[in-house]
Amino acid sequence: MGVWDVVWSYSDWLLVLGLLLLAAHTYATWNHDFFSKKGLPYTKPWPIFGNMGQAVLKQTSFADILLRMYRQHKGHRVNGMFQMTLPITVINDPELLKRIVVKDFDHFVDHYSIIPPEVDPLFAGNLFFLKGQRWRDMRATLSPAFTSSKMKNMFLLLSKCGQQMGDFLEETFNKQGQRWRDMRATLSPAFTSSKMKNMFLLLSKCGKQMGDFLEETFNKQGGRDLLSRFGLPVILVLKRNLFAFFCDGHTGKDVHSIEMKDLFTRFTNDVIASTAFGVTVDSLKNPNNEFYLAGKELTNFEGLRSLVFMGYTLCSGLMKFLRIPFTSPEVSKFIHTLVTDTLRTREREGIVRPDMIHLLMEARKETVSDGVNGGKAKLDLTDEDITAQATVFFLAGFDTASTLLCFASYFVALNEDVQDRLQAEIDLVFEDEVTYETVHSMKYLDMVIS
């Protein structure tokens, strides 16, 4: 049987496969001429992934993709890009952007959301993704809850978290310093002159062993530069490490190491737990507490959640029909139970705490415009609504704040003049305690953070 006979025997299957591939390609590229029809510049997309291929493959960040496109289309007020198969218009002109978000805001009130609130109310039911009149009512209810005076009352909770982190660092550094002192006191008597003399025979044998190896290698390869390329670097590394081990304490400076991203992530977690959810946790001394683990899971958009997001982007109708939530059911249940238990306890016992839960409970009592003849009506702010609004603060502040603090501490460490000037301002302003007013008065701190 010839090749063509084999191919012909499978012709029906090959035809079906070809039609499927053609249909898949058509589905993945059917709107790739969207911007060219409108005369807008755009970056040529890939099938299915659009302009997000590098972000999906973890080769670059979404922010870098936007920056590259901005530079590519610099000079144009707007340009187009594709988020997977969805065409998106990107605004490059600051004046046009200001007009959209200020003067013509009534025409651009809704954020794009691919996850329906009825499927995942925790993620899609917050203020950022609400639409239309529901968004207006929720914003009118929440805005008075975050005035300067009310945020000032909440500052005490944040200050306590800062003190908690300060105590942890002091305790950690003291432990690290004492551990080094104990180890050095233990090892130093083992390396007296007499004991090193007895050990010299072993060192001599190792030296002879290396000499025999080098001589054998020279004879085999005829190389004369092997020692400079191999032996000397190893000797220098050994010498440097031994010197650091035995003599680091003689510099008079205590050297401590700590993972700053993890430190600030746990600090941010404690701040959000206290100010947004009304619970007190110490993620530094209790690193595996349930709230911290739930928060890490909530803000982790990799693995299965990235596949769910891709599914909603490509086939939102099917994902909605299957009712596949974006947030894991375990995390949703934990957060919802936490908030509802807190609400019931405060309502029953009359507890008042200057946090976001209290502000939202007070917002339940307020009235908003009903949009008809200037009338007033009370917004139906359910427990699910309060849970969603508290959760959005976790999503918005958990990784962003910790990353900002991490980069700020890194650059302050690199620039000692900035560090000295900042420390001088701190010493000048603070006396007994940190207050809301003193933090706002620190101009150089604002310059460093900004």
Protein backbone atom coordinates (compact mmCIF):
# COMPACT_ATOMS: atom_id res chain seq x y z
CA MET A 1 0.00 0.00 0.00
CA GLY A 2 1.48 3.34 -1.07
CA VAL A 3 1.63 6.58 0.87
CA TRP A 4 -1.26 8.12 -1.03
CA ASP A 5 -3.40 5.07 -0.38
CA VAL A 6 -2.78 5.45 3.37
CA VAL A 7 -3.56 9.16 3.24
CA TRP A 8 -6.72 8.52 1.20
CA SER A 9 -7.94 5.92 3.69
CA TYR A 10 -7.85 8.60 6.42
CA SER A 11 -9.16 11.40 4.18
CA ASP A 12 -12.43 11.80 6.11
CA TRP A 13 -10.62 12.22 9.42
CA LEU A 14 -8.09 14.59 7.87
CA LEU A 15 -10.94 16.66 6.42
CA VAL A 16 -12.62 16.87 9.83
CA LEU A 17 -9.31 17.82 11.47
CA GLY A 18 -8.70 20.50 8.85
CA LEU A 19 -12.16 21.97 9.35
CA LEU A 20 -11.68 22.00 13.12
CA LEU A 21 -8.34 23.79 12.77
CA LEU A 22 -9.88 26.30 10.36
CA ALA A 23 -12.77 26.92 12.75
CA ALA A 24 -10.40 27.34 15.70
CA HIS A 25 -8.23 29.79 13.75
CA THR A 26 -11.28 31.76 12.59
CA TYR A 27 -12.64 31.93 16.15
CA ALA A 28 -9.26 33.06 17.50
CA THR A 29 -8.67 35.76 14.86
CA TRP A 30 -12.12 36.87 13.70
CA ASN A 31 -11.84 40.32 15.28
CA HIS A 32 -8.14 41.02 14.69
CA ASP A 33 -9.10 43.71 12.16
CA PHE A 34 -11.18 45.56 14.79
CA PHE A 35 -8.80 48.51 15.11
CA SER A 36 -7.71 48.63 11.48
CA LYS A 37 -11.36 49.14 10.48
CA LYS A 38 -11.50 52.13 12.84
CA GLY A 39 -8.19 53.57 11.63
CA LEU A 40 -6.48 53.21 15.03
CA PRO A 41 -2.87 52.08 15.47
CA TYR A 42 -2.50 48.76 17.28
CA THR A 43 0.00 46.02 18.03
CA LYS A 44 -0.54 42.91 15.92
CA PRO A 45 -2.00 40.18 18.15
CA TRP A 46 -1.39 36.45 18.31
CA PRO A 47 -4.30 34.00 18.00
CA ILE A 48 -6.06 33.31 21.33
CA PHE A 49 -3.45 35.14 23.45
CA GLY A 50 -3.72 38.51 21.70
CA ASN A 51 -0.98 40.78 23.08
CA MET A 52 -0.89 38.94 26.42
CA GLY A 53 1.22 35.94 25.40
CA GLN A 54 4.33 37.02 27.32
CA ALA A 55 2.27 37.81 30.42
CA VAL A 56 0.49 34.44 30.28
CA LEU A 57 3.84 32.65 29.92
CA LYS A 58 5.30 34.68 32.83
CA GLN A 59 7.98 36.19 30.60
CA THR A 60 7.07 39.80 31.38
CA SER A 61 4.59 41.74 33.47
CA PHE A 62 1.40 43.38 32.24
CA ALA A 63 2.80 46.78 33.24
CA ASP A 64 5.85 46.25 31.01
CA ILE A 65 3.60 45.25 28.12
CA LEU A 66 1.63 48.50 28.47
CA LEU A 67 4.85 50.52 28.73
CA ARG A 68 6.24 48.92 25.58
CA MET A 69 3.02 49.64 23.67
CA TYR A 70 2.97 53.23 24.93
CA ARG A 71 6.48 53.78 23.58
CA GLN A 72 5.65 51.96 20.34
CA HIS A 73 2.63 54.21 19.70
CA LYS A 74 4.02 57.40 21.23
CA GLY A 75 2.52 60.43 19.54
CA HIS A 76 -0.90 58.81 19.11
CA ARG A 77 -3.65 59.84 21.52
CA VAL A 78 -5.08 56.31 21.58
CA ASN A 79 -3.99 52.87 20.41
CA GLY A 80 -5.42 49.39 20.43
CA MET A 81 -4.39 46.12 22.07
CA PHE A 82 -5.95 42.72 22.60
CA GLN A 83 -6.43 41.21 26.05
CA MET A 84 -6.62 37.63 24.84
CA THR A 85 -9.46 37.90 22.25
CA LEU A 86 -10.94 41.13 23.66
CA PRO A 87 -10.04 44.41 21.89
CA ILE A 88 -9.14 47.19 24.34
CA THR A 89 -8.53 50.87 23.64
CA VAL A 90 -5.54 52.32 25.50
CA ILE A 91 -5.42 56.06 26.24
CA ASN A 92 -1.98 57.63 25.72
CA ASP A 93 -2.84 61.32 26.00
CA PRO A 94 -3.00 62.67 29.60
CA GLU A 95 -5.43 65.45 28.65
CA LEU A 96 -7.80 62.99 26.99
CA LEU A 97 -7.54 60.71 30.01
CA LYS A 98 -8.38 63.61 32.34
CA ARG A 99 -11.42 64.44 30.24
CA ILE A 100 -12.65 60.82 30.40
CA VAL A 101 -12.29 60.41 34.17
CA VAL A 102 -13.47 63.94 35.13
CA LYS A 103 -15.53 65.95 32.64
CA ASP A 104 -17.13 63.05 30.72
CA PHE A 105 -17.09 60.58 33.58
CA ASP A 106 -20.85 59.96 33.33
CA HIS A 107 -20.21 58.19 30.03
CA PHE A 108 -17.44 55.94 31.41
CA VAL A 109 -18.70 54.87 34.83
CA ASP A 110 -18.46 51.08 34.57
CA HIS A 111 -15.33 48.95 34.85
CA TYR A 112 -15.07 45.94 32.61
CA SER A 113 -15.67 42.71 34.50
CA ILE A 114 -15.68 39.18 33.09
CA ILE A 115 -16.76 37.48 36.31
CA PRO A 116 -20.49 37.83 37.13
CA PRO A 117 -21.44 38.73 40.74
CA GLU A 118 -23.98 35.90 40.94
CA VAL A 119 -21.18 33.36 40.38
CA ASP A 120 -18.52 34.93 42.60
CA PRO A 121 -20.03 37.67 44.81
CA LEU A 122 -16.88 37.99 46.91
CA PHE A 123 -14.70 39.02 43.96
CA ALA A 124 -17.18 40.60 41.55
CA GLY A 125 -19.53 42.18 44.08
CA ASN A 126 -17.17 44.91 45.28
CA LEU A 127 -17.34 48.60 44.40
CA PHE A 128 -14.72 48.32 41.66
CA PHE A 129 -16.83 45.95 39.55
CA LEU A 130 -20.36 47.13 40.32
CA LYS A 131 -22.22 48.82 37.48
CA GLY A 132 -24.88 51.44 36.85
CA GLN A 133 -27.15 52.66 39.64
CA ARG A 134 -25.94 49.98 42.03
CA TRP A 135 -22.40 51.39 41.72
CA ARG A 136 -23.64 54.97 42.27
CA ASP A 137 -25.56 53.97 45.38
CA MET A 138 -22.67 51.99 46.83
CA ARG A 139 -20.19 54.79 46.14
CA ALA A 140 -22.50 57.38 47.71
CA THR A 141 -22.79 55.13 50.77
CA LEU A 142 -19.08 54.38 51.14
CA SER A 143 -17.55 57.79 50.35
CA PRO A 144 -18.60 59.49 53.66
CA ALA A 145 -17.16 56.51 55.53
CA PHE A 146 -13.62 57.45 54.51
CA THR A 147 -13.31 61.09 55.42
CA SER A 148 -10.09 62.41 56.90
CA SER A 149 -11.50 62.44 60.45
CA LYS A 150 -12.64 58.82 60.27
CA MET A 151 -9.34 57.68 58.76
CA LYS A 152 -7.62 59.51 61.60
CA ASN A 153 -9.51 57.37 64.11
CA MET A 154 -8.39 54.26 62.23
CA PHE A 155 -4.74 55.34 62.43
CA LEU A 156 -4.45 53.98 65.96
CA LEU A 157 -4.97 50.43 64.65
CA LEU A 158 -2.27 50.89 62.03
CA SER A 159 0.10 52.31 64.64
CA LYS A 160 -0.36 49.22 66.80
CA CYS A 161 0.60 46.99 63.86
CA GLY A 162 3.72 49.12 63.36
CA GLN A 163 4.66 48.72 67.03
CA GLN A 164 4.05 45.00 66.70
CA MET A 165 6.48 44.78 63.78
CA GLY A 166 9.06 46.91 65.62
CA ASP A 167 8.96 44.57 68.62
CA PHE A 168 9.35 41.57 66.33
CA LEU A 169 12.41 43.05 64.58
CA GLU A 170 14.05 43.96 67.87
CA GLU A 171 13.49 40.47 69.23
CA THR A 172 14.74 38.86 65.99
CA PHE A 173 17.93 40.93 65.88
CA ASN A 174 18.67 40.25 69.53
CA LYS A 175 18.28 36.52 68.90
CA GLN A 176 20.51 36.62 65.81
CA GLY A 177 23.20 38.59 67.63
CA GLN A 178 23.17 36.33 70.68
CA ARG A 179 23.28 33.22 68.49
CA TRP A 180 26.44 34.51 66.79
CA ARG A 181 28.04 35.35 70.13
CA ASP A 182 27.24 31.91 71.57
CA MET A 183 28.57 30.10 68.51
CA ARG A 184 31.77 32.15 68.40
CA ALA A 185 32.39 31.59 72.14
CA THR A 186 31.96 27.85 71.56
CA LEU A 187 34.22 27.59 68.50
CA SER A 188 37.04 29.98 69.45
CA PRO A 189 38.73 27.62 72.02
CA ALA A 190 38.82 24.91 69.35
CA PHE A 191 41.22 26.92 67.20
CA THR A 192 44.08 27.77 69.56
CA SER A 193 47.65 27.75 68.26
CA SER A 194 48.45 24.35 69.81
CA LYS A 195 45.35 22.67 68.39
CA MET A 196 45.94 24.15 64.95
CA LYS A 197 49.51 22.81 65.11
CA ASN A 198 48.21 19.28 65.70
CA MET A 199 45.83 19.73 62.80
CA PHE A 200 48.58 20.85 60.42
CA LEU A 201 49.43 17.24 59.46
CA LEU A 202 45.95 16.80 57.97
CA LEU A 203 46.25 20.12 56.13
CA SER A 204 49.64 19.06 54.78
CA LYS A 205 48.23 15.84 53.40
CA CYS A 206 45.48 17.78 51.61
CA GLY A 207 48.10 20.13 50.18
CA LYS A 208 50.17 17.21 48.89
CA GLN A 209 47.04 15.68 47.43
CA MET A 210 46.26 18.88 45.52
CA GLY A 211 49.91 19.13 44.36
CA ASP A 212 49.80 15.58 43.00
CA PHE A 213 46.52 16.39 41.20
CA LEU A 214 47.94 19.55 39.60
CA GLU A 215 51.15 17.79 38.55
CA GLU A 216 49.18 14.95 36.98
CA THR A 217 46.90 17.41 35.20
CA PHE A 218 49.83 19.45 33.87
CA ASN A 219 51.47 16.30 32.55
CA LYS A 220 48.29 15.19 30.79
CA GLN A 221 47.19 18.53 29.35
CA GLY A 222 50.40 20.51 29.21
CA GLY A 223 48.49 23.48 30.58
CA ARG A 224 50.35 26.18 32.48
CA ASP A 225 47.49 28.51 33.26
CA LEU A 226 45.33 25.98 35.10
CA LEU A 227 46.40 27.20 38.51
CA SER A 228 45.44 30.78 37.72
CA ARG A 229 42.06 29.68 36.39
CA PHE A 230 41.28 27.01 38.95
CA GLY A 231 43.44 26.90 42.01
CA LEU A 232 43.72 30.60 42.89
CA PRO A 233 39.99 31.44 42.81
CA VAL A 234 39.20 28.46 45.04
CA ILE A 235 41.92 29.45 47.53
CA LEU A 236 40.67 33.05 47.59
CA VAL A 237 37.07 31.93 48.16
CA LEU A 238 38.12 29.65 51.03
CA LYS A 239 40.21 32.42 52.55
CA ARG A 240 37.37 34.94 52.27
CA ASN A 241 34.80 32.61 53.83
CA LEU A 242 37.08 31.62 56.70
CA PHE A 243 37.88 35.26 57.38
CA ALA A 244 34.19 36.17 57.39
CA PHE A 245 33.38 33.28 59.72
CA PHE A 246 36.06 33.95 62.32
CA CYS A 247 36.56 37.70 62.09
CA ASP A 248 33.19 39.27 61.26
CA GLY A 249 32.62 40.26 64.86
CA HIS A 250 35.85 42.31 64.97
CA THR A 251 34.37 44.97 62.65
CA GLY A 252 32.21 46.24 65.50
CA LYS A 253 29.08 46.05 63.34
CA ASP A 254 26.23 43.58 63.86
CA VAL A 255 25.10 42.15 60.52
CA HIS A 256 21.51 40.90 60.40
CA SER A 257 19.57 39.42 57.51
CA ILE A 258 15.81 39.36 57.00
CA GLU A 259 13.54 38.79 53.99
CA MET A 260 11.96 42.21 53.51
CA LYS A 261 9.17 41.20 51.09
CA ASP A 262 7.94 38.53 53.49
CA LEU A 263 8.23 40.95 56.43
CA PHE A 264 6.21 43.70 54.74
CA THR A 265 3.67 41.21 53.36
CA ARG A 266 2.95 39.98 56.88
CA PHE A 267 2.84 43.55 58.23
CA THR A 268 0.39 44.59 55.49
CA ASN A 269 -1.70 41.51 56.22
CA ASP A 270 -1.95 42.48 59.89
CA VAL A 271 -2.88 46.08 59.04
CA ILE A 272 -5.66 44.97 56.66
CA ALA A 273 -6.90 42.37 59.14
CA SER A 274 -7.16 45.02 61.85
CA THR A 275 -8.46 48.00 59.85
CA ALA A 276 -10.68 46.26 57.28
CA PHE A 277 -11.88 43.04 58.94
CA GLY A 278 -11.80 44.04 62.59
CA VAL A 279 -9.62 41.16 63.79
CA THR A 280 -6.24 41.24 65.48
CA VAL A 281 -3.56 38.85 64.19
CA ASP A 282 0.21 38.68 64.48
CA SER A 283 1.52 37.12 61.29
CA LEU A 284 5.13 37.74 62.34
CA LYS A 285 4.99 35.63 65.50
CA ASN A 286 2.30 33.31 64.15
CA PRO A 287 3.32 32.93 60.48
CA ASN A 288 0.75 30.25 59.60
CA ASN A 289 -2.35 31.90 61.03
CA GLU A 290 -5.54 31.21 59.10
CA PHE A 291 -6.16 34.81 58.05
CA TYR A 292 -2.70 35.17 56.50
CA LEU A 293 -2.98 31.87 54.59
CA ALA A 294 -6.43 32.84 53.31
CA GLY A 295 -5.07 36.22 52.23
CA LYS A 296 -2.19 34.63 50.35
CA GLU A 297 -4.62 32.34 48.57
CA LEU A 298 -6.97 35.22 47.80
CA THR A 299 -4.22 37.28 46.16
CA ASN A 300 -2.58 34.38 44.32
CA PHE A 301 -3.55 34.65 40.66
CA GLU A 302 -1.37 31.82 39.40
CA GLY A 303 -1.99 28.13 38.76
CA LEU A 304 -5.64 27.10 38.64
CA ARG A 305 -6.92 30.68 39.08
CA SER A 306 -5.02 31.81 35.98
CA LEU A 307 -6.74 29.03 34.01
CA VAL A 308 -10.14 30.10 35.39
CA PHE A 309 -9.40 33.71 34.41
CA MET A 310 -8.39 32.58 30.92
CA GLY A 311 -11.59 30.55 30.70
CA TYR A 312 -13.72 33.59 31.58
CA THR A 313 -11.78 35.67 29.04
CA LEU A 314 -12.22 33.19 26.20
CA CYS A 315 -15.58 31.54 27.04
CA SER A 316 -17.33 33.65 29.66
CA GLY A 317 -20.76 32.28 28.75
CA LEU A 318 -19.69 28.68 29.29
CA MET A 319 -17.89 29.50 32.55
CA LYS A 320 -20.98 31.36 33.81
CA PHE A 321 -23.20 28.43 32.83
CA LEU A 322 -20.93 26.03 34.73
CA ARG A 323 -20.85 28.52 37.67
CA ILE A 324 -17.12 28.20 38.18
CA PRO A 325 -16.05 30.80 40.80
CA PHE A 326 -12.82 32.75 40.51
CA THR A 327 -12.21 32.68 44.27
CA SER A 328 -11.74 29.27 45.89
CA PRO A 329 -14.82 28.16 47.89
CA GLU A 330 -12.71 27.60 51.02
CA VAL A 331 -11.39 31.17 51.03
CA SER A 332 -14.82 32.63 50.27
CA LYS A 333 -16.39 30.65 53.11
CA PHE A 334 -13.65 31.66 55.57
CA ILE A 335 -13.89 35.39 54.79
CA HIS A 336 -17.69 35.44 54.72
CA THR A 337 -17.90 33.56 58.04
CA LEU A 338 -15.32 35.88 59.59
CA VAL A 339 -17.19 39.03 58.59
CA THR A 340 -20.68 37.77 59.45
CA ASP A 341 -19.54 36.52 62.87
CA THR A 342 -17.94 39.90 63.53
CA LEU A 343 -21.13 41.72 62.49
CA ARG A 344 -23.36 39.57 64.69
CA THR A 345 -21.05 39.92 67.70
CA ARG A 346 -20.87 43.71 67.41
CA GLU A 347 -24.62 44.06 66.90
CA ARG A 348 -25.33 41.83 69.88
CA GLU A 349 -22.80 43.32 72.30
CA GLY A 350 -22.69 46.91 71.01
CA ILE A 351 -18.95 46.82 70.30
CA VAL A 352 -17.52 49.93 68.63
CA ARG A 353 -14.08 49.73 67.00
CA PRO A 354 -12.73 52.40 64.60
CA ASP A 355 -12.30 50.05 61.64
CA MET A 356 -13.90 49.51 58.25
CA ILE A 357 -16.46 47.00 59.52
CA HIS A 358 -17.81 49.64 61.90
CA LEU A 359 -17.89 52.26 59.11
CA LEU A 360 -19.85 49.91 56.87
CA MET A 361 -22.25 49.06 59.70
CA GLU A 362 -22.85 52.80 60.16
CA ALA A 363 -23.29 53.18 56.39
CA ARG A 364 -26.20 50.73 56.58
CA LYS A 365 -28.13 53.35 58.52
CA GLU A 366 -27.55 56.14 55.99
CA THR A 367 -29.80 57.08 53.08
CA VAL A 368 -28.80 57.81 49.50
CA SER A 369 -30.48 59.45 46.54
CA ASP A 370 -32.96 57.14 44.84
CA GLY A 371 -32.37 58.80 41.49
CA VAL A 372 -36.05 59.81 41.20
CA ASN A 373 -37.11 63.42 41.91
CA GLY A 374 -34.26 63.85 44.36
CA GLY A 375 -35.81 61.39 46.82
CA LYS A 376 -33.91 59.49 49.52
CA ALA A 377 -33.84 55.79 50.14
CA LYS A 378 -31.86 53.43 52.38
CA LEU A 379 -29.39 51.24 50.48
CA ASP A 380 -29.86 47.53 50.99
CA LEU A 381 -26.34 46.85 52.24
CA THR A 382 -26.27 43.11 52.93
CA ASP A 383 -23.69 41.05 54.79
CA GLU A 384 -22.42 39.86 51.38
CA ASP A 385 -21.99 43.49 50.26
CA ILE A 386 -20.00 44.36 53.38
CA THR A 387 -17.84 41.25 52.93
CA ALA A 388 -17.14 42.16 49.29
CA GLN A 389 -16.20 45.77 50.14
CA ALA A 390 -13.83 44.61 52.89
CA THR A 391 -12.30 42.06 50.53
CA VAL A 392 -11.54 44.63 47.84
CA PHE A 393 -9.31 46.45 50.33
CA PHE A 394 -7.42 43.22 50.82
CA LEU A 395 -7.04 42.76 47.05
CA ALA A 396 -6.03 46.38 46.52
CA GLY A 397 -3.62 46.75 49.43
CA PHE A 398 -2.08 43.38 50.22
CA ASP A 399 0.60 43.07 47.53
CA THR A 400 0.76 46.70 46.38
CA ALA A 401 1.59 48.16 49.80
CA SER A 402 4.10 45.44 50.69
CA THR A 403 5.86 45.80 47.31
CA LEU A 404 6.06 49.59 47.73
CA LEU A 405 7.57 49.25 51.22
CA CYS A 406 10.01 46.62 49.98
CA PHE A 407 11.32 48.78 47.12
CA ALA A 408 11.42 51.85 49.35
CA SER A 409 13.53 50.06 51.98
CA TYR A 410 15.85 48.74 49.25
CA PHE A 411 16.52 52.16 47.74
CA VAL A 412 16.87 53.77 51.17
CA ALA A 413 19.50 51.13 51.99
CA LEU A 414 21.36 51.89 48.75
CA ASN A 415 21.35 55.65 49.32
CA GLU A 416 22.76 56.34 52.76
CA ASP A 417 22.38 60.11 52.39
CA VAL A 418 18.63 59.66 51.90
CA GLN A 419 18.55 57.24 54.82
CA ASP A 420 20.37 59.70 57.09
CA ARG A 421 18.13 62.61 56.11
CA LEU A 422 14.99 60.52 56.59
CA GLN A 423 16.17 59.28 59.98
CA ALA A 424 16.94 62.86 61.01
CA GLU A 425 13.37 63.91 60.15
CA ILE A 426 11.98 60.95 62.11
CA ASP A 427 14.09 61.81 65.15
CA LEU A 428 13.04 65.45 64.90
CA VAL A 429 9.29 64.81 64.58
CA PHE A 430 8.64 61.85 66.84
CA GLU A 431 8.97 62.03 70.59
CA ASP A 432 6.82 59.63 72.59
CA GLU A 433 4.33 58.22 70.05
CA VAL A 434 3.39 58.22 66.38
CA THR A 435 0.31 60.29 65.55
CA TYR A 436 -1.74 60.91 62.44
CA GLU A 437 -0.79 64.61 62.37
CA THR A 438 2.96 64.03 62.72
CA VAL A 439 3.03 61.51 59.87
CA HIS A 440 1.21 63.98 57.60
CA SER A 441 3.68 66.72 58.54
CA MET A 442 6.72 64.72 57.37
CA LYS A 443 7.49 66.21 53.97
CA TYR A 444 10.68 64.28 53.29
CA LEU A 445 9.02 60.97 54.16
CA ASP A 446 6.30 61.83 51.64
CA MET A 447 9.00 62.54 49.03
CA VAL A 448 10.69 59.19 49.68
CA ILE A 449 7.47 57.16 49.51
CA SER A 450 6.16 59.10 46.50
